[in-house]
């Protein structure tokens, strides 16, 4: 729907369309979260059941811990979107919808940050492997780089606000239209 068609509708029709669009965004993220959750649980099950011999015991335990944190972050993302889906039908003003939609986006960003951070930390077994089978200089260089990358990501998140302002184009359209709808009297 173009902007002209959207703004030619009545205020109630615009609000209902925006509710449908925000509901569709939440459903898409919910389905993605469920698929990722099933993949993480399948990997955890594979490690627990088959106990791959190419890894050592501490590596398997380390990966299970990391995958559990990934599972937690993904459940956080999935529950956040499910909560919004259950709540969106009860919202009766554009101001409330905008508040809860932005709250959902903020929580999704925090869960996504945790996912990325755990994926970066997951390189630890590689460093342990290099420590055991390669020289100390290469191991320390590799470890320093990875610790610096994690520290830079944490600093960028909290001090610079790297991900705080990030929204998808579709999220920006929905929030802008909701803000326009609130400003229309």
C-alpha atoms as a PDB file:
ATOM      1  CA  UNK A   1       0.000   0.000   0.000  1.00  0.00           C
ATOM      2  CA  UNK A   2       1.361   3.411  -0.933  1.00  0.00           C
ATOM      3  CA  UNK A   3       1.508   6.324   1.459  1.00  0.00           C
ATOM      4  CA  UNK A   4      -1.244   8.210  -0.373  1.00  0.00           C
ATOM      5  CA  UNK A   5      -3.597   5.238  -0.125  1.00  0.00           C
ATOM      6  CA  UNK A   6      -2.700   4.793   3.523  1.00  0.00           C
ATOM      7  CA  UNK A   7      -3.357   8.398   4.512  1.00  0.00           C
ATOM      8  CA  UNK A   8      -6.607   8.516   2.542  1.00  0.00           C
ATOM      9  CA  UNK A   9      -8.083   5.970   4.979  1.00  0.00           C
ATOM     10  CA  UNK A  10      -9.840   6.974   8.157  1.00  0.00           C
ATOM     11  CA  UNK A  11      -7.926   7.061  11.428  1.00  0.00           C
ATOM     12  CA  UNK A  12      -9.475   3.778  12.626  1.00  0.00           C
ATOM     13  CA  UNK A  13      -8.708   2.018   9.342  1.00  0.00           C
ATOM     14  CA  UNK A  14      -5.110   3.267   9.432  1.00  0.00           C
ATOM     15  CA  UNK A  15      -4.775   2.025  12.994  1.00  0.00           C
ATOM     16  CA  UNK A  16      -6.145  -1.408  12.079  1.00  0.00           C
ATOM     17  CA  UNK A  17      -3.758  -1.647   9.117  1.00  0.00           C
ATOM     18  CA  UNK A  18      -0.833  -0.743  11.349  1.00  0.00           C
ATOM     19  CA  UNK A  19      -1.942  -3.346  13.881  1.00  0.00           C
ATOM     20  CA  UNK A  20      -1.993  -5.935  11.086  1.00  0.00           C
ATOM     21  CA  UNK A  21       1.449  -4.899   9.832  1.00  0.00           C
ATOM     22  CA  UNK A  22       2.982  -4.972  13.302  1.00  0.00           C
ATOM     23  CA  UNK A  23       1.314  -8.329  13.945  1.00  0.00           C
ATOM     24  CA  UNK A  24       2.814  -9.672  10.686  1.00  0.00           C
ATOM     25  CA  UNK A  25       6.292  -8.493  11.710  1.00  0.00           C
ATOM     26  CA  UNK A  26       5.957 -10.177  15.097  1.00  0.00           C
ATOM     27  CA  UNK A  27       4.697 -13.423  13.505  1.00  0.00           C
ATOM     28  CA  UNK A  28       7.650 -13.461  11.119  1.00  0.00           C
ATOM     29  CA  UNK A  29      10.120 -13.025  13.980  1.00  0.00           C
ATOM     30  CA  UNK A  30       8.273 -15.591  16.082  1.00  0.00           C
ATOM     31  CA  UNK A  31       8.509 -18.215  13.331  1.00  0.00           C
ATOM     32  CA  UNK A  32      12.198 -17.458  12.805  1.00  0.00           C
ATOM     33  CA  UNK A  33      12.830 -17.737  16.525  1.00  0.00           C
ATOM     34  CA  UNK A  34      11.076 -21.106  16.713  1.00  0.00           C
ATOM     35  CA  UNK A  35      13.101 -22.472  13.790  1.00  0.00           C
ATOM     36  CA  UNK A  36      16.378 -21.294  15.340  1.00  0.00           C
ATOM     37  CA  UNK A  37      15.324 -22.745  18.701  1.00  0.00           C
ATOM     38  CA  UNK A  38      14.657 -26.134  17.112  1.00  0.00           C
ATOM     39  CA  UNK A  39      18.070 -26.047  15.400  1.00  0.00           C
ATOM     40  CA  UNK A  40      19.845 -25.188  18.669  1.00  0.00           C
ATOM     41  CA  UNK A  41      18.023 -27.974  20.506  1.00  0.00           C
ATOM     42  CA  UNK A  42      18.945 -30.420  17.725  1.00  0.00           C
ATOM     43  CA  UNK A  43      22.640 -29.504  18.043  1.00  0.00           C
ATOM     44  CA  UNK A  44      22.521 -29.852  21.847  1.00  0.00           C
ATOM     45  CA  UNK A  45      20.859 -33.252  21.464  1.00  0.00           C
ATOM     46  CA  UNK A  46      23.484 -34.333  18.927  1.00  0.00           C
ATOM     47  CA  UNK A  47      26.353 -33.366  21.244  1.00  0.00           C
ATOM     48  CA  UNK A  48      24.780 -35.028  24.283  1.00  0.00           C
ATOM     49  CA  UNK A  49      23.766 -38.250  22.513  1.00  0.00           C
ATOM     50  CA  UNK A  50      26.681 -38.871  20.166  1.00  0.00           C
ATOM     51  CA  UNK A  51      29.511 -37.278  22.193  1.00  0.00           C
ATOM     52  CA  UNK A  52      31.689 -36.470  19.159  1.00  0.00           C
ATOM     53  CA  UNK A  53      35.173 -37.921  19.547  1.00  0.00           C
ATOM     54  CA  UNK A  54      36.867 -35.134  17.593  1.00  0.00           C
ATOM     55  CA  UNK A  55      36.230 -32.834  20.561  1.00  0.00           C
ATOM     56  CA  UNK A  56      37.532 -33.339  24.023  1.00  0.00           C
ATOM     57  CA  UNK A  57      35.217 -33.499  27.031  1.00  0.00           C
ATOM     58  CA  UNK A  58      35.673 -29.880  28.130  1.00  0.00           C
ATOM     59  CA  UNK A  59      34.962 -28.693  24.595  1.00  0.00           C
ATOM     60  CA  UNK A  60      31.653 -30.566  24.489  1.00  0.00           C
ATOM     61  CA  UNK A  61      30.670 -29.146  27.882  1.00  0.00           C
ATOM     62  CA  UNK A  62      31.709 -25.659  26.761  1.00  0.00           C
ATOM     63  CA  UNK A  63      29.604 -25.900  23.620  1.00  0.00           C
ATOM     64  CA  UNK A  64      26.615 -27.199  25.572  1.00  0.00           C
ATOM     65  CA  UNK A  65      26.887 -24.194  27.914  1.00  0.00           C
ATOM     66  CA  UNK A  66      27.134 -21.775  24.988  1.00  0.00           C
ATOM     67  CA  UNK A  67      24.252 -23.434  23.183  1.00  0.00           C
ATOM     68  CA  UNK A  68      22.198 -23.187  26.371  1.00  0.00           C
ATOM     69  CA  UNK A  69      22.848 -19.434  26.466  1.00  0.00           C
ATOM     70  CA  UNK A  70      21.913 -19.237  22.773  1.00  0.00           C
ATOM     71  CA  UNK A  71      18.761 -21.161  23.601  1.00  0.00           C
ATOM     72  CA  UNK A  72      17.973 -18.693  26.393  1.00  0.00           C
ATOM     73  CA  UNK A  73      18.474 -15.701  24.062  1.00  0.00           C
ATOM     74  CA  UNK A  74      16.311 -17.284  21.390  1.00  0.00           C
ATOM     75  CA  UNK A  75      13.563 -18.130  23.887  1.00  0.00           C
ATOM     76  CA  UNK A  76      13.732 -14.509  25.065  1.00  0.00           C
ATOM     77  CA  UNK A  77      13.260 -13.320  21.471  1.00  0.00           C
ATOM     78  CA  UNK A  78      10.441 -15.797  20.812  1.00  0.00           C
ATOM     79  CA  UNK A  79       8.544 -15.065  24.037  1.00  0.00           C
ATOM     80  CA  UNK A  80       8.911 -11.329  23.455  1.00  0.00           C
ATOM     81  CA  UNK A  81       7.284 -11.612  20.025  1.00  0.00           C
ATOM     82  CA  UNK A  82       4.598 -13.972  21.314  1.00  0.00           C
ATOM     83  CA  UNK A  83       3.798 -11.561  24.142  1.00  0.00           C
ATOM     84  CA  UNK A  84       3.409  -8.736  21.632  1.00  0.00           C
ATOM     85  CA  UNK A  85       1.140 -10.872  19.439  1.00  0.00           C
ATOM     86  CA  UNK A  86      -1.110 -11.648  22.383  1.00  0.00           C
ATOM     87  CA  UNK A  87      -1.138  -8.016  23.473  1.00  0.00           C
ATOM     88  CA  UNK A  88      -1.705  -6.278  20.123  1.00  0.00           C
ATOM     89  CA  UNK A  89      -5.411  -7.129  19.922  1.00  0.00           C
ATOM     90  CA  UNK A  90      -6.089  -5.451  23.273  1.00  0.00           C
ATOM     91  CA  UNK A  91      -4.384  -2.181  22.351  1.00  0.00           C
ATOM     92  CA  UNK A  92      -6.883   0.527  21.519  1.00  0.00           C
ATOM     93  CA  UNK A  93      -4.788   3.625  20.780  1.00  0.00           C
ATOM     94  CA  UNK A  94      -1.896   4.261  18.402  1.00  0.00           C
ATOM     95  CA  UNK A  95       0.153   5.608  21.307  1.00  0.00           C
ATOM     96  CA  UNK A  96      -0.080   2.302  23.171  1.00  0.00           C
ATOM     97  CA  UNK A  97       0.713   0.331  20.025  1.00  0.00           C
ATOM     98  CA  UNK A  98       3.750   2.489  19.349  1.00  0.00           C
ATOM     99  CA  UNK A  99       4.976   2.068  22.928  1.00  0.00           C
ATOM    100  CA  UNK A 100       4.648  -1.721  22.903  1.00  0.00           C
ATOM    101  CA  UNK A 101       6.041  -2.048  19.380  1.00  0.00           C
ATOM    102  CA  UNK A 102       9.150  -0.051  20.282  1.00  0.00           C
ATOM    103  CA  UNK A 103       9.459  -2.075  23.487  1.00  0.00           C
ATOM    104  CA  UNK A 104       9.335  -5.286  21.432  1.00  0.00           C
ATOM    105  CA  UNK A 105      12.017  -3.964  19.061  1.00  0.00           C
ATOM    106  CA  UNK A 106      14.261  -2.993  22.001  1.00  0.00           C
ATOM    107  CA  UNK A 107      13.945  -6.432  23.610  1.00  0.00           C
ATOM    108  CA  UNK A 108      14.587  -8.149  20.270  1.00  0.00           C
ATOM    109  CA  UNK A 109      17.730  -6.061  19.872  1.00  0.00           C
ATOM    110  CA  UNK A 110      18.981  -7.065  23.329  1.00  0.00           C
ATOM    111  CA  UNK A 111      18.351 -10.753  22.627  1.00  0.00           C
ATOM    112  CA  UNK A 112      20.076 -10.448  19.249  1.00  0.00           C
ATOM    113  CA  UNK A 113      23.072  -8.802  20.900  1.00  0.00           C
ATOM    114  CA  UNK A 114      23.325 -11.728  23.298  1.00  0.00           C
ATOM    115  CA  UNK A 115      23.167 -14.131  20.341  1.00  0.00           C
ATOM    116  CA  UNK A 116      26.021 -12.330  18.547  1.00  0.00           C
ATOM    117  CA  UNK A 117      28.114 -12.108  21.694  1.00  0.00           C
ATOM    118  CA  UNK A 118      27.796 -15.845  22.350  1.00  0.00           C
ATOM    119  CA  UNK A 119      28.693 -16.619  18.737  1.00  0.00           C
ATOM    120  CA  UNK A 120      31.888 -14.584  19.102  1.00  0.00           C
ATOM    121  CA  UNK A 121      32.746 -16.238  22.426  1.00  0.00           C
ATOM    122  CA  UNK A 122      32.236 -19.648  20.807  1.00  0.00           C
ATOM    123  CA  UNK A 123      35.697 -19.361  19.265  1.00  0.00           C
ATOM    124  CA  UNK A 124      37.290 -20.297  22.607  1.00  0.00           C
ATOM    125  CA  UNK A 125      37.748 -24.016  21.757  1.00  0.00           C
ATOM    126  CA  UNK A 126      39.668 -22.991  18.661  1.00  0.00           C
ATOM    127  CA  UNK A 127      42.044 -20.993  20.865  1.00  0.00           C
ATOM    128  CA  UNK A 128      42.390 -23.983  23.209  1.00  0.00           C
ATOM    129  CA  UNK A 129      43.168 -26.197  20.224  1.00  0.00           C
ATOM    130  CA  UNK A 130      45.839 -23.767  19.033  1.00  0.00           C
ATOM    131  CA  UNK A 131      47.309 -23.664  22.535  1.00  0.00           C
ATOM    132  CA  UNK A 132      47.595 -27.437  22.634  1.00  0.00           C
ATOM    133  CA  UNK A 133      48.887 -28.098  19.115  1.00  0.00           C
ATOM    134  CA  UNK A 134      50.514 -24.867  17.880  1.00  0.00           C
ATOM    135  CA  UNK A 135      52.971 -22.347  19.275  1.00  0.00           C
ATOM    136  CA  UNK A 136      52.288 -19.919  22.094  1.00  0.00           C
ATOM    137  CA  UNK A 137      52.722 -16.749  19.978  1.00  0.00           C
ATOM    138  CA  UNK A 138      49.916 -17.728  17.590  1.00  0.00           C
ATOM    139  CA  UNK A 139      47.660 -18.667  20.496  1.00  0.00           C
ATOM    140  CA  UNK A 140      48.203 -15.402  22.350  1.00  0.00           C
ATOM    141  CA  UNK A 141      47.672 -13.368  19.175  1.00  0.00           C
ATOM    142  CA  UNK A 142      44.457 -15.215  18.427  1.00  0.00           C
ATOM    143  CA  UNK A 143      43.204 -14.941  22.004  1.00  0.00           C
ATOM    144  CA  UNK A 144      44.049 -11.225  22.205  1.00  0.00           C
ATOM    145  CA  UNK A 145      42.139 -10.555  19.011  1.00  0.00           C
ATOM    146  CA  UNK A 146      39.059 -12.404  20.221  1.00  0.00           C
ATOM    147  CA  UNK A 147      39.057 -10.790  23.661  1.00  0.00           C
ATOM    148  CA  UNK A 148      39.471  -7.372  22.017  1.00  0.00           C
ATOM    149  CA  UNK A 149      36.578  -8.126  19.660  1.00  0.00           C
ATOM    150  CA  UNK A 150      34.265  -9.074  22.538  1.00  0.00           C
ATOM    151  CA  UNK A 151      35.353  -6.002  24.547  1.00  0.00           C
ATOM    152  CA  UNK A 152      34.821  -3.725  21.541  1.00  0.00           C
ATOM    153  CA  UNK A 153      31.364  -5.165  20.942  1.00  0.00           C
ATOM    154  CA  UNK A 154      30.372  -4.687  24.595  1.00  0.00           C
ATOM    155  CA  UNK A 155      31.766  -1.141  24.606  1.00  0.00           C
ATOM    156  CA  UNK A 156      29.993  -0.281  21.361  1.00  0.00           C
ATOM    157  CA  UNK A 157      26.723  -1.583  22.722  1.00  0.00           C
ATOM    158  CA  UNK A 158      26.750   0.219  26.050  1.00  0.00           C
ATOM    159  CA  UNK A 159      28.700   3.419  25.371  1.00  0.00           C
ATOM    160  CA  UNK A 160      28.275   4.164  21.681  1.00  0.00           C
ATOM    161  CA  UNK A 161      24.761   2.759  21.402  1.00  0.00           C
ATOM    162  CA  UNK A 162      25.660   0.762  18.312  1.00  0.00           C
ATOM    163  CA  UNK A 163      22.517  -1.371  18.250  1.00  0.00           C
ATOM    164  CA  UNK A 164      20.171   0.852  20.223  1.00  0.00           C
ATOM    165  CA  UNK A 165      19.095   2.830  17.181  1.00  0.00           C
ATOM    166  CA  UNK A 166      18.968  -0.077  14.761  1.00  0.00           C
ATOM    167  CA  UNK A 167      15.605  -0.851  13.218  1.00  0.00           C
ATOM    168  CA  UNK A 168      14.715  -2.623  10.023  1.00  0.00           C
ATOM    169  CA  UNK A 169      13.233  -0.552   7.255  1.00  0.00           C
ATOM    170  CA  UNK A 170       9.833  -2.125   7.882  1.00  0.00           C
ATOM    171  CA  UNK A 171      10.030  -1.290  11.594  1.00  0.00           C
ATOM    172  CA  UNK A 172      10.882   2.317  10.770  1.00  0.00           C
ATOM    173  CA  UNK A 173       7.906   2.551   8.428  1.00  0.00           C
ATOM    174  CA  UNK A 174       5.540   1.179  11.056  1.00  0.00           C
ATOM    175  CA  UNK A 175       6.843   3.443  13.824  1.00  0.00           C
ATOM    176  CA  UNK A 176       6.809   6.504  11.533  1.00  0.00           C
ATOM    177  CA  UNK A 177       3.248   5.811  10.443  1.00  0.00           C
ATOM    178  CA  UNK A 178       2.174   5.257  14.036  1.00  0.00           C
ATOM    179  CA  UNK A 179       3.822   8.523  15.042  1.00  0.00           C
ATOM    180  CA  UNK A 180       2.034  10.300  12.168  1.00  0.00           C
ATOM    181  CA  UNK A 181      -1.237   8.737  13.276  1.00  0.00           C
ATOM    182  CA  UNK A 182      -0.651   9.958  16.839  1.00  0.00           C
ATOM    183  CA  UNK A 183       0.134  13.457  15.571  1.00  0.00           C
ATOM    184  CA  UNK A 184      -3.073  13.551  13.478  1.00  0.00           C
ATOM    185  CA  UNK A 185      -5.867  15.021  15.529  1.00  0.00           C
END
